[in-house]
Amino acid sequence: ARAGATIKMMIPANPGGGWDGTGRAFGAALI
């Protein structure tokens, strides 16, 4: 119910791996 929410996404891995790819794809899906 809150407008303009900013999600803080912790990705517990360095860039370029599975968690990173999944996390960023899911972040884009939230938007």
Full PDB file with SEQRES, HELIX, SHEET, SSBOND, CRYST1, ORIGX, SCALE, CONECT and MASTER records, all heavy atoms in Angstrom:
SEQRES   1 A   31  ALA ARG ALA GLY ALA THR ILE LYS MET MET ILE PRO ALA          
SEQRES   2 A   31  ASN PRO GLY GLY GLY TRP ASP GLY THR GLY ARG ALA PHE          
SEQRES   3 A   31  GLY ALA ALA LEU ILE                                          
HELIX    1 AA1 GLY A   18  LEU A   30  1                                  13    
CRYST1    1.000    1.000    1.000  90.00  90.00  90.00 P 1           1          
ORIGX1      1.000000  0.000000  0.000000        0.00000                         
ORIGX2      0.000000  1.000000  0.000000        0.00000                         
ORIGX3      0.000000  0.000000  1.000000        0.00000                         
SCALE1      1.000000  0.000000  0.000000        0.00000                         
SCALE2      0.000000  1.000000  0.000000        0.00000                         
SCALE3      0.000000  0.000000  1.000000        0.00000                         
ATOM      1  N   ALA A   1       0.817  -1.211   0.000  1.00  0.00           N  
ATOM      2  CA  ALA A   1       0.000   0.000   0.000  1.00  0.00           C  
ATOM      3  C   ALA A   1       0.847   1.255   0.000  1.00  0.00           C  
ATOM      4  O   ALA A   1       0.335   2.347   0.075  1.00  0.00           O  
ATOM      5  CB  ALA A   1      -0.916  -0.003   1.226  1.00  0.00           C  
ATOM      6  N   ARG A   2       2.165   1.104  -0.054  1.00  0.00           N  
ATOM      7  CA  ARG A   2       3.060   2.244   0.052  1.00  0.00           C  
ATOM      8  C   ARG A   2       3.598   2.628  -1.309  1.00  0.00           C  
ATOM      9  O   ARG A   2       4.054   1.769  -2.064  1.00  0.00           O  
ATOM     10  CB  ARG A   2       4.225   1.885   0.983  1.00  0.00           C  
ATOM     11  CG  ARG A   2       4.994   3.081   1.511  1.00  0.00           C  
ATOM     12  CD  ARG A   2       6.183   2.636   2.313  1.00  0.00           C  
ATOM     13  NE  ARG A   2       5.805   1.650   3.307  1.00  0.00           N  
ATOM     14  CZ  ARG A   2       6.688   0.923   3.965  1.00  0.00           C  
ATOM     15  NH1 ARG A   2       7.968   1.061   3.723  1.00  0.00           N  
ATOM     16  NH2 ARG A   2       6.287   0.053   4.864  1.00  0.00           N  
ATOM     17  N   ALA A   3       3.524   3.902  -1.653  1.00  0.00           N  
ATOM     18  CA  ALA A   3       4.003   4.353  -2.957  1.00  0.00           C  
ATOM     19  C   ALA A   3       5.512   4.572  -2.920  1.00  0.00           C  
ATOM     20  O   ALA A   3       6.065   5.002  -1.918  1.00  0.00           O  
ATOM     21  CB  ALA A   3       3.291   5.633  -3.348  1.00  0.00           C  
ATOM     22  N   GLY A   4       6.164   4.284  -4.055  1.00  0.00           N  
ATOM     23  CA  GLY A   4       7.575   4.617  -4.205  1.00  0.00           C  
ATOM     24  C   GLY A   4       8.523   3.818  -3.349  1.00  0.00           C  
ATOM     25  O   GLY A   4       9.550   4.328  -2.934  1.00  0.00           O  
ATOM     26  N   ALA A   5       8.216   2.552  -3.061  1.00  0.00           N  
ATOM     27  CA  ALA A   5       9.096   1.731  -2.236  1.00  0.00           C  
ATOM     28  C   ALA A   5      10.404   1.450  -2.965  1.00  0.00           C  
ATOM     29  O   ALA A   5      10.420   1.152  -4.157  1.00  0.00           O  
ATOM     30  CB  ALA A   5       8.402   0.415  -1.882  1.00  0.00           C  
ATOM     31  N   THR A   6      11.521   1.558  -2.253  1.00  0.00           N  
ATOM     32  CA  THR A   6      12.826   1.181  -2.771  1.00  0.00           C  
ATOM     33  C   THR A   6      13.278  -0.069  -2.037  1.00  0.00           C  
ATOM     34  O   THR A   6      13.422  -0.060  -0.815  1.00  0.00           O  
ATOM     35  CB  THR A   6      13.861   2.304  -2.569  1.00  0.00           C  
ATOM     36  OG1 THR A   6      13.472   3.443  -3.334  1.00  0.00           O  
ATOM     37  CG2 THR A   6      15.246   1.848  -3.008  1.00  0.00           C  
ATOM     38  N   ILE A   7      13.471  -1.144  -2.770  1.00  0.00           N  
ATOM     39  CA  ILE A   7      13.896  -2.409  -2.181  1.00  0.00           C  
ATOM     40  C   ILE A   7      15.414  -2.458  -2.115  1.00  0.00           C  
ATOM     41  O   ILE A   7      16.098  -2.124  -3.092  1.00  0.00           O  
ATOM     42  CB  ILE A   7      13.365  -3.601  -3.006  1.00  0.00           C  
ATOM     43  CG1 ILE A   7      11.835  -3.629  -2.980  1.00  0.00           C  
ATOM     44  CG2 ILE A   7      13.926  -4.919  -2.482  1.00  0.00           C  
ATOM     45  CD1 ILE A   7      11.236  -3.815  -1.604  1.00  0.00           C  
ATOM     46  N   LYS A   8      15.939  -2.865  -0.965  1.00  0.00           N  
ATOM     47  CA  LYS A   8      17.381  -3.061  -0.812  1.00  0.00           C  
ATOM     48  C   LYS A   8      17.662  -4.556  -0.918  1.00  0.00           C  
ATOM     49  O   LYS A   8      17.263  -5.325  -0.046  1.00  0.00           O  
ATOM     50  CB  LYS A   8      17.843  -2.500   0.530  1.00  0.00           C  
ATOM     51  CG  LYS A   8      17.855  -0.974   0.554  1.00  0.00           C  
ATOM     52  CD  LYS A   8      17.911  -0.404   1.962  1.00  0.00           C  
ATOM     53  CE  LYS A   8      16.519  -0.303   2.549  1.00  0.00           C  
ATOM     54  NZ  LYS A   8      16.473   0.368   3.861  1.00  0.00           N  
ATOM     55  N   MET A   9      18.315  -4.952  -2.004  1.00  0.00           N  
ATOM     56  CA  MET A   9      18.534  -6.364  -2.303  1.00  0.00           C  
ATOM     57  C   MET A   9      19.973  -6.777  -1.997  1.00  0.00           C  
ATOM     58  O   MET A   9      20.914  -6.330  -2.660  1.00  0.00           O  
ATOM     59  CB  MET A   9      18.236  -6.629  -3.786  1.00  0.00           C  
ATOM     60  CG  MET A   9      18.405  -8.075  -4.214  1.00  0.00           C  
ATOM     61  SD  MET A   9      17.040  -9.131  -3.681  1.00  0.00           S  
ATOM     62  CE  MET A   9      15.746  -8.569  -4.820  1.00  0.00           C  
ATOM     63  N   MET A  10      20.142  -7.621  -0.980  1.00  0.00           N  
ATOM     64  CA  MET A  10      21.451  -8.187  -0.685  1.00  0.00           C  
ATOM     65  C   MET A  10      21.677  -9.392  -1.587  1.00  0.00           C  
ATOM     66  O   MET A  10      20.875 -10.331  -1.615  1.00  0.00           O  
ATOM     67  CB  MET A  10      21.533  -8.616   0.785  1.00  0.00           C  
ATOM     68  CG  MET A  10      22.697  -9.545   1.111  1.00  0.00           C  
ATOM     69  SD  MET A  10      24.333  -8.864   0.735  1.00  0.00           S  
ATOM     70  CE  MET A  10      24.472  -7.634   2.050  1.00  0.00           C  
ATOM     71  N   ILE A  11      22.761  -9.352  -2.341  1.00  0.00           N  
ATOM     72  CA  ILE A  11      23.174 -10.496  -3.162  1.00  0.00           C  
ATOM     73  C   ILE A  11      24.467 -11.031  -2.548  1.00  0.00           C  
ATOM     74  O   ILE A  11      25.526 -10.404  -2.686  1.00  0.00           O  
ATOM     75  CB  ILE A  11      23.390 -10.080  -4.629  1.00  0.00           C  
ATOM     76  CG1 ILE A  11      22.087  -9.512  -5.207  1.00  0.00           C  
ATOM     77  CG2 ILE A  11      23.879 -11.270  -5.445  1.00  0.00           C  
ATOM     78  CD1 ILE A  11      22.218  -8.973  -6.617  1.00  0.00           C  
ATOM     79  N   PRO A  12      24.416 -12.170  -1.845  1.00  0.00           N  
ATOM     80  CA  PRO A  12      25.573 -12.638  -1.076  1.00  0.00           C  
ATOM     81  C   PRO A  12      26.621 -13.351  -1.927  1.00  0.00           C  
ATOM     82  O   PRO A  12      27.115 -14.431  -1.579  1.00  0.00           O  
ATOM     83  CB  PRO A  12      24.934 -13.569  -0.047  1.00  0.00           C  
ATOM     84  CG  PRO A  12      23.760 -14.136  -0.768  1.00  0.00           C  
ATOM     85  CD  PRO A  12      23.251 -13.037  -1.656  1.00  0.00           C  
ATOM     86  N   ALA A  13      26.963 -12.748  -3.049  1.00  0.00           N  
ATOM     87  CA  ALA A  13      27.966 -13.286  -3.969  1.00  0.00           C  
ATOM     88  C   ALA A  13      28.517 -12.143  -4.800  1.00  0.00           C  
ATOM     89  O   ALA A  13      27.892 -11.087  -4.898  1.00  0.00           O  
ATOM     90  CB  ALA A  13      27.345 -14.347  -4.882  1.00  0.00           C  
ATOM     91  N   ASN A  14      29.670 -12.364  -5.405  1.00  0.00           N  
ATOM     92  CA  ASN A  14      30.250 -11.356  -6.282  1.00  0.00           C  
ATOM     93  C   ASN A  14      29.448 -11.266  -7.580  1.00  0.00           C  
ATOM     94  O   ASN A  14      28.696 -12.184  -7.926  1.00  0.00           O  
ATOM     95  CB  ASN A  14      31.707 -11.711  -6.591  1.00  0.00           C  
ATOM     96  CG  ASN A  14      32.623 -11.473  -5.396  1.00  0.00           C  
ATOM     97  OD1 ASN A  14      32.185 -10.941  -4.374  1.00  0.00           O  
ATOM     98  ND2 ASN A  14      33.866 -11.880  -5.504  1.00  0.00           N  
ATOM     99  N   PRO A  15      29.590 -10.175  -8.324  1.00  0.00           N  
ATOM    100  CA  PRO A  15      28.865 -10.039  -9.591  1.00  0.00           C  
ATOM    101  C   PRO A  15      29.206 -11.149 -10.576  1.00  0.00           C  
ATOM    102  O   PRO A  15      30.311 -11.684 -10.573  1.00  0.00           O  
ATOM    103  CB  PRO A  15      29.346  -8.682 -10.116  1.00  0.00           C  
ATOM    104  CG  PRO A  15      29.771  -7.929  -8.891  1.00  0.00           C  
ATOM    105  CD  PRO A  15      30.362  -8.959  -7.977  1.00  0.00           C  
ATOM    106  N   GLY A  16      28.222 -11.490 -11.405  1.00  0.00           N  
ATOM    107  CA  GLY A  16      28.476 -12.413 -12.499  1.00  0.00           C  
ATOM    108  C   GLY A  16      28.018 -13.834 -12.303  1.00  0.00           C  
ATOM    109  O   GLY A  16      28.089 -14.648 -13.216  1.00  0.00           O  
ATOM    110  N   GLY A  17      27.530 -14.181 -11.117  1.00  0.00           N  
ATOM    111  CA  GLY A  17      27.128 -15.554 -10.848  1.00  0.00           C  
ATOM    112  C   GLY A  17      25.627 -15.744 -10.840  1.00  0.00           C  
ATOM    113  O   GLY A  17      24.856 -14.865 -11.229  1.00  0.00           O  
ATOM    114  N   GLY A  18      25.211 -16.927 -10.373  1.00  0.00           N  
ATOM    115  CA  GLY A  18      23.802 -17.278 -10.371  1.00  0.00           C  
ATOM    116  C   GLY A  18      22.953 -16.417  -9.468  1.00  0.00           C  
ATOM    117  O   GLY A  18      21.867 -15.968  -9.854  1.00  0.00           O  
ATOM    118  N   TRP A  19      23.416 -16.189  -8.241  1.00  0.00           N  
ATOM    119  CA  TRP A  19      22.662 -15.336  -7.326  1.00  0.00           C  
ATOM    120  C   TRP A  19      22.560 -13.919  -7.873  1.00  0.00           C  
ATOM    121  O   TRP A  19      21.522 -13.270  -7.769  1.00  0.00           O  
ATOM    122  CB  TRP A  19      23.328 -15.294  -5.954  1.00  0.00           C  
ATOM    123  CG  TRP A  19      22.860 -16.379  -5.034  1.00  0.00           C  
ATOM    124  CD1 TRP A  19      21.686 -17.068  -5.094  1.00  0.00           C  
ATOM    125  CD2 TRP A  19      23.574 -16.913  -3.913  1.00  0.00           C  
ATOM    126  NE1 TRP A  19      21.610 -17.982  -4.076  1.00  0.00           N  
ATOM    127  CE2 TRP A  19      22.755 -17.906  -3.341  1.00  0.00           C  
ATOM    128  CE3 TRP A  19      24.807 -16.635  -3.335  1.00  0.00           C  
ATOM    129  CZ2 TRP A  19      23.137 -18.634  -2.210  1.00  0.00           C  
ATOM    130  CZ3 TRP A  19      25.189 -17.363  -2.223  1.00  0.00           C  
ATOM    131  CH2 TRP A  19      24.361 -18.344  -1.667  1.00  0.00           C  
ATOM    132  N   ASP A  20      23.652 -13.434  -8.444  1.00  0.00           N  
ATOM    133  CA  ASP A  20      23.667 -12.080  -8.982  1.00  0.00           C  
ATOM    134  C   ASP A  20      22.672 -11.958 -10.141  1.00  0.00           C  
ATOM    135  O   ASP A  20      21.861 -11.024 -10.185  1.00  0.00           O  
ATOM    136  CB  ASP A  20      25.076 -11.725  -9.451  1.00  0.00           C  
ATOM    137  CG  ASP A  20      25.201 -10.263  -9.867  1.00  0.00           C  
ATOM    138  OD1 ASP A  20      24.907  -9.389  -9.035  1.00  0.00           O  
ATOM    139  OD2 ASP A  20      25.587 -10.013 -11.020  1.00  0.00           O  
ATOM    140  N   GLY A  21      22.730 -12.921 -11.057  1.00  0.00           N  
ATOM    141  CA  GLY A  21      21.815 -12.890 -12.191  1.00  0.00           C  
ATOM    142  C   GLY A  21      20.365 -13.006 -11.774  1.00  0.00           C  
ATOM    143  O   GLY A  21      19.490 -12.281 -12.271  1.00  0.00           O  
ATOM    144  N   THR A  22      20.097 -13.909 -10.829  1.00  0.00           N  
ATOM    145  CA  THR A  22      18.728 -14.095 -10.358  1.00  0.00           C  
ATOM    146  C   THR A  22      18.245 -12.869  -9.605  1.00  0.00           C  
ATOM    147  O   THR A  22      17.115 -12.403  -9.797  1.00  0.00           O  
ATOM    148  CB  THR A  22      18.621 -15.341  -9.451  1.00  0.00           C  
ATOM    149  OG1 THR A  22      19.193 -16.470 -10.116  1.00  0.00           O  
ATOM    150  CG2 THR A  22      17.175 -15.645  -9.119  1.00  0.00           C  
ATOM    151  N   GLY A  23      19.098 -12.331  -8.741  1.00  0.00           N  
ATOM    152  CA  GLY A  23      18.715 -11.173  -7.936  1.00  0.00           C  
ATOM    153  C   GLY A  23      18.402  -9.961  -8.780  1.00  0.00           C  
ATOM    154  O   GLY A  23      17.409  -9.252  -8.547  1.00  0.00           O  
ATOM    155  N   ARG A  24      19.217  -9.700  -9.784  1.00  0.00           N  
ATOM    156  CA  ARG A  24      18.996  -8.525 -10.631  1.00  0.00           C  
ATOM    157  C   ARG A  24      17.791  -8.727 -11.559  1.00  0.00           C  
ATOM    158  O   ARG A  24      17.043  -7.779 -11.818  1.00  0.00           O  
ATOM    159  CB  ARG A  24      20.265  -8.190 -11.410  1.00  0.00           C  
ATOM    160  CG  ARG A  24      21.361  -7.670 -10.477  1.00  0.00           C  
ATOM    161  CD  ARG A  24      22.692  -7.430 -11.169  1.00  0.00           C  
ATOM    162  NE  ARG A  24      23.707  -7.125 -10.167  1.00  0.00           N  
ATOM    163  CZ  ARG A  24      23.955  -5.900  -9.677  1.00  0.00           C  
ATOM    164  NH1 ARG A  24      23.259  -4.872 -10.127  1.00  0.00           N  
ATOM    165  NH2 ARG A  24      24.882  -5.723  -8.755  1.00  0.00           N  
ATOM    166  N   ALA A  25      17.591  -9.949 -12.027  1.00  0.00           N  
ATOM    167  CA  ALA A  25      16.402 -10.225 -12.840  1.00  0.00           C  
ATOM    168  C   ALA A  25      15.140 -10.079 -12.001  1.00  0.00           C  
ATOM    169  O   ALA A  25      14.128  -9.531 -12.459  1.00  0.00           O  
ATOM    170  CB  ALA A  25      16.479 -11.635 -13.426  1.00  0.00           C  
ATOM    171  N   PHE A  26      15.218 -10.531 -10.743  1.00  0.00           N  
ATOM    172  CA  PHE A  26      14.036 -10.423  -9.885  1.00  0.00           C  
ATOM    173  C   PHE A  26      13.783  -8.980  -9.473  1.00  0.00           C  
ATOM    174  O   PHE A  26      12.630  -8.548  -9.362  1.00  0.00           O  
ATOM    175  CB  PHE A  26      14.180 -11.307  -8.644  1.00  0.00           C  
ATOM    176  CG  PHE A  26      12.882 -11.462  -7.905  1.00  0.00           C  
ATOM    177  CD1 PHE A  26      11.820 -12.139  -8.480  1.00  0.00           C  
ATOM    178  CD2 PHE A  26      12.706 -10.895  -6.655  1.00  0.00           C  
ATOM    179  CE1 PHE A  26      10.606 -12.265  -7.823  1.00  0.00           C  
ATOM    180  CE2 PHE A  26      11.501 -11.016  -5.983  1.00  0.00           C  
ATOM    181  CZ  PHE A  26      10.444 -11.706  -6.572  1.00  0.00           C  
ATOM    182  N   GLY A  27      14.848  -8.216  -9.279  1.00  0.00           N  
ATOM    183  CA  GLY A  27      14.686  -6.798  -8.987  1.00  0.00           C  
ATOM    184  C   GLY A  27      13.977  -6.086 -10.127  1.00  0.00           C  
ATOM    185  O   GLY A  27      13.069  -5.267  -9.911  1.00  0.00           O  
ATOM    186  N   ALA A  28      14.380  -6.413 -11.363  1.00  0.00           N  
ATOM    187  CA  ALA A  28      13.720  -5.824 -12.533  1.00  0.00           C  
ATOM    188  C   ALA A  28      12.255  -6.242 -12.596  1.00  0.00           C  
ATOM    189  O   ALA A  28      11.386  -5.459 -12.998  1.00  0.00           O  
ATOM    190  CB  ALA A  28      14.448  -6.251 -13.802  1.00  0.00           C  
ATOM    191  N   ALA A  29      11.962  -7.476 -12.162  1.00  0.00           N  
ATOM    192  CA  ALA A  29      10.576  -7.961 -12.154  1.00  0.00           C  
ATOM    193  C   ALA A  29       9.736  -7.225 -11.120  1.00  0.00           C  
ATOM    194  O   ALA A  29       8.552  -6.945 -11.352  1.00  0.00           O  
ATOM    195  CB  ALA A  29      10.559  -9.465 -11.877  1.00  0.00           C  
ATOM    196  N   LEU A  30      10.314  -6.898  -9.971  1.00  0.00           N  
ATOM    197  CA  LEU A  30       9.595  -6.134  -8.951  1.00  0.00           C  
ATOM    198  C   LEU A  30       9.177  -4.768  -9.503  1.00  0.00           C  
ATOM    199  O   LEU A  30       8.057  -4.301  -9.256  1.00  0.00           O  
ATOM    200  CB  LEU A  30      10.474  -5.947  -7.710  1.00  0.00           C  
ATOM    201  CG  LEU A  30      10.753  -7.190  -6.859  1.00  0.00           C  
ATOM    202  CD1 LEU A  30      11.886  -6.911  -5.865  1.00  0.00           C  
ATOM    203  CD2 LEU A  30       9.500  -7.636  -6.103  1.00  0.00           C  
ATOM    204  N   ILE A  31      10.075  -4.152 -10.246  1.00  0.00           N  
ATOM    205  CA  ILE A  31       9.764  -2.848 -10.840  1.00  0.00           C  
ATOM    206  C   ILE A  31       8.725  -3.005 -11.954  1.00  0.00           C  
ATOM    207  O   ILE A  31       7.767  -2.236 -12.049  1.00  0.00           O  
ATOM    208  CB  ILE A  31      11.045  -2.187 -11.377  1.00  0.00           C  
ATOM    209  CG1 ILE A  31      11.998  -1.871 -10.209  1.00  0.00           C  
ATOM    210  CG2 ILE A  31      10.719  -0.917 -12.164  1.00  0.00           C  
ATOM    211  CD1 ILE A  31      13.386  -1.420 -10.634  1.00  0.00           C  
TER     212      ILE A  31                                                      
MASTER        0    0    0    1    0    0    0    6  211    1    0    3          
END                                                                             
